[in-house]
């Protein structure tokens, strides 16, 4: 895991920031990340936090 789990600023969920294959940071639900994971991969069961956030921001940086 890249970093420790932290609370989302928009909801009470715990998230971990992983790198995408292109090197950008992405919030991922902490319960889907295993020890040693550092690259986001849906095939490994990672779930993007933007898909599950209870109160996502209206706009995100692109």
C-alpha atoms as a PDB file:
ATOM      1  CA  UNK A   1       0.000   0.000   0.000  1.00  0.00           C
ATOM      2  CA  UNK A   2       1.332   3.463  -0.894  1.00  0.00           C
ATOM      3  CA  UNK A   3       0.098   5.218   2.216  1.00  0.00           C
ATOM      4  CA  UNK A   4      -2.065   4.714   5.217  1.00  0.00           C
ATOM      5  CA  UNK A   5      -5.822   4.759   5.015  1.00  0.00           C
ATOM      6  CA  UNK A   6      -7.347   8.150   5.648  1.00  0.00           C
ATOM      7  CA  UNK A   7     -10.875   9.506   5.926  1.00  0.00           C
ATOM      8  CA  UNK A   8     -12.458  10.923   2.760  1.00  0.00           C
ATOM      9  CA  UNK A   9     -13.047  14.671   3.069  1.00  0.00           C
ATOM     10  CA  UNK A  10     -16.560  14.318   1.605  1.00  0.00           C
ATOM     11  CA  UNK A  11     -17.880  11.250   3.472  1.00  0.00           C
ATOM     12  CA  UNK A  12     -16.896   9.054   6.457  1.00  0.00           C
ATOM     13  CA  UNK A  13     -15.344   6.288   4.307  1.00  0.00           C
ATOM     14  CA  UNK A  14     -11.688   5.283   4.590  1.00  0.00           C
ATOM     15  CA  UNK A  15      -9.615   5.624   1.395  1.00  0.00           C
ATOM     16  CA  UNK A  16      -6.101   4.877   0.177  1.00  0.00           C
ATOM     17  CA  UNK A  17      -4.381   6.764  -2.639  1.00  0.00           C
ATOM     18  CA  UNK A  18      -2.998   4.430  -5.320  1.00  0.00           C
ATOM     19  CA  UNK A  19      -1.229   5.256  -8.568  1.00  0.00           C
ATOM     20  CA  UNK A  20      -2.921   4.618 -11.904  1.00  0.00           C
ATOM     21  CA  UNK A  21      -0.908   2.910 -14.663  1.00  0.00           C
ATOM     22  CA  UNK A  22      -0.253   6.423 -16.033  1.00  0.00           C
ATOM     23  CA  UNK A  23       1.231   7.585 -12.704  1.00  0.00           C
ATOM     24  CA  UNK A  24      -1.649   9.745 -11.419  1.00  0.00           C
ATOM     25  CA  UNK A  25      -3.043   9.421  -7.893  1.00  0.00           C
ATOM     26  CA  UNK A  26      -6.512   7.938  -7.420  1.00  0.00           C
ATOM     27  CA  UNK A  27      -8.640   7.463  -4.275  1.00  0.00           C
ATOM     28  CA  UNK A  28      -9.595   3.819  -3.728  1.00  0.00           C
ATOM     29  CA  UNK A  29     -11.856   2.281  -1.071  1.00  0.00           C
ATOM     30  CA  UNK A  30      -9.493   1.066   1.660  1.00  0.00           C
ATOM     31  CA  UNK A  31     -11.232  -2.291   2.168  1.00  0.00           C
ATOM     32  CA  UNK A  32     -10.387  -3.286  -1.436  1.00  0.00           C
ATOM     33  CA  UNK A  33      -6.633  -2.653  -1.063  1.00  0.00           C
ATOM     34  CA  UNK A  34      -4.270  -5.350   0.173  1.00  0.00           C
ATOM     35  CA  UNK A  35      -0.815  -5.104   1.709  1.00  0.00           C
ATOM     36  CA  UNK A  36       1.742  -4.253  -0.959  1.00  0.00           C
ATOM     37  CA  UNK A  37      -0.752  -2.861  -3.468  1.00  0.00           C
ATOM     38  CA  UNK A  38       0.413   0.433  -4.956  1.00  0.00           C
ATOM     39  CA  UNK A  39      -1.014   0.467  -8.511  1.00  0.00           C
ATOM     40  CA  UNK A  40      -4.775   0.681  -9.148  1.00  0.00           C
ATOM     41  CA  UNK A  41      -6.122  -2.408 -10.878  1.00  0.00           C
ATOM     42  CA  UNK A  42      -9.827  -3.316 -11.147  1.00  0.00           C
ATOM     43  CA  UNK A  43      -8.704  -6.871 -11.948  1.00  0.00           C
ATOM     44  CA  UNK A  44      -7.276  -7.116  -8.399  1.00  0.00           C
ATOM     45  CA  UNK A  45     -10.601  -6.017  -6.928  1.00  0.00           C
ATOM     46  CA  UNK A  46      -9.772  -2.351  -6.328  1.00  0.00           C
ATOM     47  CA  UNK A  47     -12.821  -0.078  -6.309  1.00  0.00           C
ATOM     48  CA  UNK A  48     -12.560   3.605  -7.174  1.00  0.00           C
ATOM     49  CA  UNK A  49     -13.854   5.713  -4.298  1.00  0.00           C
ATOM     50  CA  UNK A  50     -15.532   8.134  -6.710  1.00  0.00           C
ATOM     51  CA  UNK A  51     -17.951   5.312  -7.591  1.00  0.00           C
ATOM     52  CA  UNK A  52     -19.002   4.820  -3.944  1.00  0.00           C
ATOM     53  CA  UNK A  53     -18.584   8.245  -2.298  1.00  0.00           C
ATOM     54  CA  UNK A  54     -21.771   9.290  -0.474  1.00  0.00           C
ATOM     55  CA  UNK A  55     -21.226  13.008  -1.098  1.00  0.00           C
ATOM     56  CA  UNK A  56     -18.794  13.475  -4.020  1.00  0.00           C
ATOM     57  CA  UNK A  57     -17.626  16.965  -5.009  1.00  0.00           C
ATOM     58  CA  UNK A  58     -19.578  18.534  -7.849  1.00  0.00           C
ATOM     59  CA  UNK A  59     -16.443  19.123  -9.925  1.00  0.00           C
ATOM     60  CA  UNK A  60     -13.141  17.281 -10.082  1.00  0.00           C
ATOM     61  CA  UNK A  61      -9.882  18.236 -11.743  1.00  0.00           C
ATOM     62  CA  UNK A  62      -9.427  16.574 -15.111  1.00  0.00           C
END
